[in-house]
C-alpha cells in the first residue's frame, strides 16, 4: 500500500510540474540514480521519457572537465564527499550518502563550479 501511495504522489508531482518546467535530472553519478529509479519501478523508462525531456547533468563529468582544465588540482579526488571537503562545504558527515545530504552537496558543488567558470 505504501509503494502504491508513493507512485501516486510521484505521478501527481510529475504531471503538475511538467506543465511548468522542463525536468532535468542533476546528480553526482546521476546515471546510477536514473538506472535505480527505472529498475525499481519508481519511474519506469516509458514514464521517464514522458516527463524528463533533457539529458541529465552529471557533476562528475563537470568535475573531470574542470580537472582537465586545471581549475581543480589534478590530485583531487572527484567523489562527492572529497569535492565537498575540497570546497569547504562539509556538513554533518554522519549524513553522507543519504538522499538529502547528496542532494544538498550536489547543489553546493554546482554553485562552486559556476563560480570557477565565471
Protein backbone atom coordinates (compact mmCIF):
# COMPACT_ATOMS: atom_id res chain seq x y z
CA UNK A 1 0.00 0.00 0.00
CA UNK A 2 2.84 2.43 0.83
CA UNK A 3 4.53 1.69 -2.52
CA UNK A 4 1.27 2.45 -4.36
CA UNK A 5 0.91 5.75 -2.46
CA UNK A 6 4.46 6.76 -3.36
CA UNK A 7 3.77 6.14 -7.05
CA UNK A 8 0.54 8.21 -6.93
CA UNK A 9 2.34 11.12 -5.21
CA UNK A 10 5.24 10.90 -7.64
CA UNK A 11 2.96 10.88 -10.70
CA UNK A 12 0.95 13.80 -9.33
CA UNK A 13 4.18 15.77 -8.80
CA UNK A 14 5.47 14.98 -12.28
CA UNK A 15 2.21 15.86 -14.01
CA UNK A 16 1.89 19.13 -12.06
CA UNK A 17 5.43 20.38 -12.63
CA UNK A 18 5.98 19.06 -16.15
CA UNK A 19 3.48 21.68 -17.30
CA UNK A 20 5.58 24.48 -15.79
CA UNK A 21 9.15 23.25 -16.02
CA UNK A 22 11.35 21.08 -18.17
CA UNK A 23 12.64 18.48 -15.75
CA UNK A 24 16.39 17.89 -15.83
CA UNK A 25 17.92 15.20 -13.63
CA UNK A 26 21.05 16.51 -11.92
CA UNK A 27 23.36 14.49 -9.71
CA UNK A 28 26.83 13.23 -8.91
CA UNK A 29 26.97 9.95 -10.82
CA UNK A 30 23.40 10.54 -11.98
CA UNK A 31 23.36 7.58 -14.39
CA UNK A 32 23.38 5.22 -11.40
CA UNK A 33 20.42 7.06 -9.86
CA UNK A 34 18.44 7.06 -13.10
CA UNK A 35 19.02 3.32 -13.57
CA UNK A 36 17.99 2.66 -9.97
CA UNK A 37 14.80 4.71 -10.30
CA UNK A 38 13.85 2.98 -13.54
CA UNK A 39 14.66 -0.56 -12.39
CA UNK A 40 12.94 -0.14 -9.04
CA UNK A 41 9.69 0.81 -10.73
CA UNK A 42 9.56 4.28 -9.21
CA UNK A 43 9.75 5.77 -12.69
CA UNK A 44 9.85 3.15 -15.44
CA UNK A 45 11.59 4.02 -18.71
CA UNK A 46 8.33 4.90 -20.51
CA UNK A 47 7.32 7.40 -17.80
CA UNK A 48 10.87 8.71 -17.53
CA UNK A 49 10.87 9.55 -21.22
CA UNK A 50 7.44 11.16 -20.87
CA UNK A 51 8.43 13.54 -18.06
CA UNK A 52 12.16 14.06 -18.50
CA UNK A 53 12.89 15.92 -21.69
CA UNK A 54 16.60 16.62 -21.42
CA UNK A 55 19.88 14.85 -20.90
CA UNK A 56 20.99 14.55 -17.31
CA UNK A 57 23.65 16.82 -15.84
CA UNK A 58 26.35 14.83 -14.08
CA UNK A 59 28.59 16.77 -11.71
CA UNK A 60 31.26 14.06 -12.01
CA UNK A 61 31.63 14.94 -15.70
CA UNK A 62 31.83 18.63 -14.87
CA UNK A 63 34.45 17.95 -12.17
CA UNK A 64 36.52 15.85 -14.57
CA UNK A 65 36.38 18.64 -17.16
CA UNK A 66 37.48 21.18 -14.54
CA UNK A 67 40.41 18.91 -13.56
CA UNK A 68 41.46 18.61 -17.19
CA UNK A 69 41.23 22.41 -17.47
CA UNK A 70 43.45 22.81 -14.38
CA UNK A 71 40.62 24.52 -12.45
CA UNK A 72 40.66 21.72 -9.88
CA UNK A 73 44.02 20.18 -8.86
CA UNK A 74 44.97 17.03 -10.73
CA UNK A 75 45.46 15.10 -7.48
CA UNK A 76 41.95 15.97 -6.21
CA UNK A 77 39.52 13.07 -5.96
CA UNK A 78 36.21 13.86 -7.64
CA UNK A 79 33.99 11.83 -5.33
CA UNK A 80 31.11 13.84 -3.89
CA UNK A 81 32.47 13.71 -0.35
CA UNK A 82 36.02 14.66 -1.35
CA UNK A 83 34.91 17.52 -3.57
CA UNK A 84 32.64 18.96 -0.89
CA UNK A 85 35.56 18.74 1.54
CA UNK A 86 37.83 20.43 -1.01
CA UNK A 87 35.40 23.34 -1.41
CA UNK A 88 34.70 23.54 2.33
CA UNK A 89 31.01 22.68 2.03
CA UNK A 90 31.07 19.90 4.60
CA UNK A 91 28.01 19.49 6.76
CA UNK A 92 27.23 16.57 9.04
CA UNK A 93 29.49 13.72 7.89
CA UNK A 94 27.15 11.19 9.51
CA UNK A 95 24.62 12.02 6.79
CA UNK A 96 26.94 11.23 3.87
CA UNK A 97 25.33 9.09 1.19
CA UNK A 98 21.76 9.91 2.22
CA UNK A 99 19.41 11.43 -0.35
CA UNK A 100 19.16 14.74 1.47
CA UNK A 101 22.91 15.10 2.04
CA UNK A 102 23.83 14.10 -1.50
CA UNK A 103 21.27 16.50 -2.95
CA UNK A 104 22.46 19.43 -0.84
CA UNK A 105 26.11 18.71 -1.59
CA UNK A 106 25.45 18.34 -5.32
CA UNK A 107 23.72 21.74 -5.34
CA UNK A 108 26.67 23.22 -3.43
CA UNK A 109 29.07 21.68 -5.98
CA UNK A 110 27.14 23.15 -8.89
CA UNK A 111 27.40 26.58 -7.26
CA UNK A 112 31.15 26.12 -6.78
CA UNK A 113 31.54 25.02 -10.39
CA UNK A 114 29.66 28.12 -11.57
CA UNK A 115 31.99 30.31 -9.52
CA UNK A 116 35.02 28.61 -11.08
CA UNK A 117 33.68 29.06 -14.61
CA UNK A 118 32.74 32.74 -14.19
